[in-house]
Amino acid sequence: MAMGRLDGKVSLVTGASRGAGRGIAVVLGGEGATVYVTGRSTRARAAVAEFPHAVEDTADEVTAAGGHGIAVACDHTDDEQVRALV
């Protein structure tokens, strides 16, 4: 397996359950990064019912792209959740 440009690097992508955050996370994974993907939507609880995509789904996509995806439910407006994440 060829090494990606980001092998051995760790990144954190917020708002990664959908949209730009999801896309950024998958691209980083495609370059071999370990990517912590965070957001409020999980498979157990969608933050926005109309958009059921979850952080676990994005983590799976990161891994499928060649990186290592790690899903973390986190509401970044809650300081305690952010502290626990970091």
C-alpha atoms as a PDB file:
ATOM      1  CA  MET A   1       0.000   0.000   0.000  1.00  0.00           C
ATOM      2  CA  ALA A   2       1.355   3.398  -0.966  1.00  0.00           C
ATOM      3  CA  MET A   3       1.761   5.940   1.778  1.00  0.00           C
ATOM      4  CA  GLY A   4      -0.348   9.089   1.667  1.00  0.00           C
ATOM      5  CA  ARG A   5       1.040  12.549   2.156  1.00  0.00           C
ATOM      6  CA  LEU A   6      -0.578  12.705   5.601  1.00  0.00           C
ATOM      7  CA  ASP A   7       0.343   9.284   6.976  1.00  0.00           C
ATOM      8  CA  GLY A   8       1.153   9.643  10.659  1.00  0.00           C
ATOM      9  CA  LYS A   9      -0.698  12.965  10.917  1.00  0.00           C
ATOM     10  CA  VAL A  10      -3.777  13.560  13.052  1.00  0.00           C
ATOM     11  CA  SER A  11      -6.511  16.047  12.227  1.00  0.00           C
ATOM     12  CA  LEU A  12      -9.759  17.210  13.786  1.00  0.00           C
ATOM     13  CA  VAL A  13     -12.685  18.195  11.592  1.00  0.00           C
ATOM     14  CA  THR A  14     -15.680  19.830  13.228  1.00  0.00           C
ATOM     15  CA  GLY A  15     -19.133  19.710  11.719  1.00  0.00           C
ATOM     16  CA  ALA A  16     -18.115  16.564   9.874  1.00  0.00           C
ATOM     17  CA  SER A  17     -21.446  14.785   9.706  1.00  0.00           C
ATOM     18  CA  ARG A  18     -22.323  16.504   6.418  1.00  0.00           C
ATOM     19  CA  GLY A  19     -21.450  19.276   4.001  1.00  0.00           C
ATOM     20  CA  ALA A  20     -18.004  20.790   3.744  1.00  0.00           C
ATOM     21  CA  GLY A  21     -16.801  19.197   6.994  1.00  0.00           C
ATOM     22  CA  ARG A  22     -17.671  15.750   5.689  1.00  0.00           C
ATOM     23  CA  GLY A  23     -15.897  16.398   2.396  1.00  0.00           C
ATOM     24  CA  ILE A  24     -12.774  17.762   4.078  1.00  0.00           C
ATOM     25  CA  ALA A  25     -12.608  14.773   6.429  1.00  0.00           C
ATOM     26  CA  VAL A  26     -12.821  12.279   3.562  1.00  0.00           C
ATOM     27  CA  VAL A  27     -10.116  14.079   1.554  1.00  0.00           C
ATOM     28  CA  LEU A  28      -7.804  14.069   4.591  1.00  0.00           C
ATOM     29  CA  GLY A  29      -8.489  10.353   5.008  1.00  0.00           C
ATOM     30  CA  GLY A  30      -7.674   9.808   1.354  1.00  0.00           C
ATOM     31  CA  GLU A  31      -4.234  11.213   2.084  1.00  0.00           C
ATOM     32  CA  GLY A  32      -3.749   8.748   4.944  1.00  0.00           C
ATOM     33  CA  ALA A  33      -4.527  10.937   7.961  1.00  0.00           C
ATOM     34  CA  THR A  34      -6.128   9.844  11.188  1.00  0.00           C
ATOM     35  CA  VAL A  35      -9.199  12.053  11.310  1.00  0.00           C
ATOM     36  CA  TYR A  36     -11.310  12.792  14.358  1.00  0.00           C
ATOM     37  CA  VAL A  37     -14.703  13.675  12.907  1.00  0.00           C
ATOM     38  CA  THR A  38     -17.010  15.587  15.209  1.00  0.00           C
ATOM     39  CA  GLY A  39     -20.551  16.833  15.123  1.00  0.00           C
ATOM     40  CA  ARG A  40     -23.863  16.638  16.914  1.00  0.00           C
ATOM     41  CA  SER A  41     -25.503  14.084  14.609  1.00  0.00           C
ATOM     42  CA  THR A  42     -24.941  10.437  15.460  1.00  0.00           C
ATOM     43  CA  ARG A  43     -26.581   7.265  14.228  1.00  0.00           C
ATOM     44  CA  ALA A  44     -28.528   7.169  17.482  1.00  0.00           C
ATOM     45  CA  ARG A  45     -29.617  10.819  17.330  1.00  0.00           C
ATOM     46  CA  ALA A  46     -29.778  13.088  14.308  1.00  0.00           C
ATOM     47  CA  ALA A  47     -29.337  16.750  15.250  1.00  0.00           C
ATOM     48  CA  VAL A  48     -31.388  17.757  12.203  1.00  0.00           C
ATOM     49  CA  ALA A  49     -34.032  15.215  11.216  1.00  0.00           C
ATOM     50  CA  GLU A  50     -33.970  16.242   7.536  1.00  0.00           C
ATOM     51  CA  PHE A  51     -30.241  15.421   7.362  1.00  0.00           C
ATOM     52  CA  PRO A  52     -29.724  12.002   8.941  1.00  0.00           C
ATOM     53  CA  HIS A  53     -26.040  11.603   8.027  1.00  0.00           C
ATOM     54  CA  ALA A  54     -23.974  10.927  11.171  1.00  0.00           C
ATOM     55  CA  VAL A  55     -20.392  11.349  12.357  1.00  0.00           C
ATOM     56  CA  GLU A  56     -20.028   7.561  12.394  1.00  0.00           C
ATOM     57  CA  ASP A  57     -20.891   7.483   8.678  1.00  0.00           C
ATOM     58  CA  THR A  58     -18.212  10.055   7.932  1.00  0.00           C
ATOM     59  CA  ALA A  59     -15.656   8.139  10.025  1.00  0.00           C
ATOM     60  CA  ASP A  60     -16.445   5.026   7.971  1.00  0.00           C
ATOM     61  CA  GLU A  61     -15.931   7.009   4.753  1.00  0.00           C
ATOM     62  CA  VAL A  62     -12.592   8.343   6.020  1.00  0.00           C
ATOM     63  CA  THR A  63     -11.430   4.794   6.734  1.00  0.00           C
ATOM     64  CA  ALA A  64     -12.685   3.550   3.363  1.00  0.00           C
ATOM     65  CA  ALA A  65     -10.708   6.353   1.680  1.00  0.00           C
ATOM     66  CA  GLY A  66      -7.479   5.079   3.235  1.00  0.00           C
ATOM     67  CA  GLY A  67      -7.228   6.967   6.524  1.00  0.00           C
ATOM     68  CA  HIS A  68      -8.422   6.156  10.003  1.00  0.00           C
ATOM     69  CA  GLY A  69     -11.739   7.770  10.919  1.00  0.00           C
ATOM     70  CA  ILE A  70     -12.689   8.273  14.551  1.00  0.00           C
ATOM     71  CA  ALA A  71     -16.211   9.528  15.288  1.00  0.00           C
ATOM     72  CA  VAL A  72     -16.794  11.755  18.319  1.00  0.00           C
ATOM     73  CA  ALA A  73     -20.175  13.245  19.142  1.00  0.00           C
ATOM     74  CA  CYS A  74     -19.545  16.827  20.213  1.00  0.00           C
ATOM     75  CA  ASP A  75     -21.604  20.000  20.389  1.00  0.00           C
ATOM     76  CA  HIS A  76     -18.958  22.677  19.949  1.00  0.00           C
ATOM     77  CA  THR A  77     -21.172  25.272  21.632  1.00  0.00           C
ATOM     78  CA  ASP A  78     -20.736  23.320  24.896  1.00  0.00           C
ATOM     79  CA  ASP A  79     -17.343  24.107  26.468  1.00  0.00           C
ATOM     80  CA  GLU A  80     -17.346  20.924  28.566  1.00  0.00           C
ATOM     81  CA  GLN A  81     -17.844  18.723  25.497  1.00  0.00           C
ATOM     82  CA  VAL A  82     -15.012  20.529  23.710  1.00  0.00           C
ATOM     83  CA  ARG A  83     -12.694  20.081  26.715  1.00  0.00           C
ATOM     84  CA  ALA A  84     -13.532  16.380  26.848  1.00  0.00           C
ATOM     85  CA  LEU A  85     -12.770  16.045  23.139  1.00  0.00           C
ATOM     86  CA  VAL A  86      -9.391  17.772  23.292  1.00  0.00           C
END
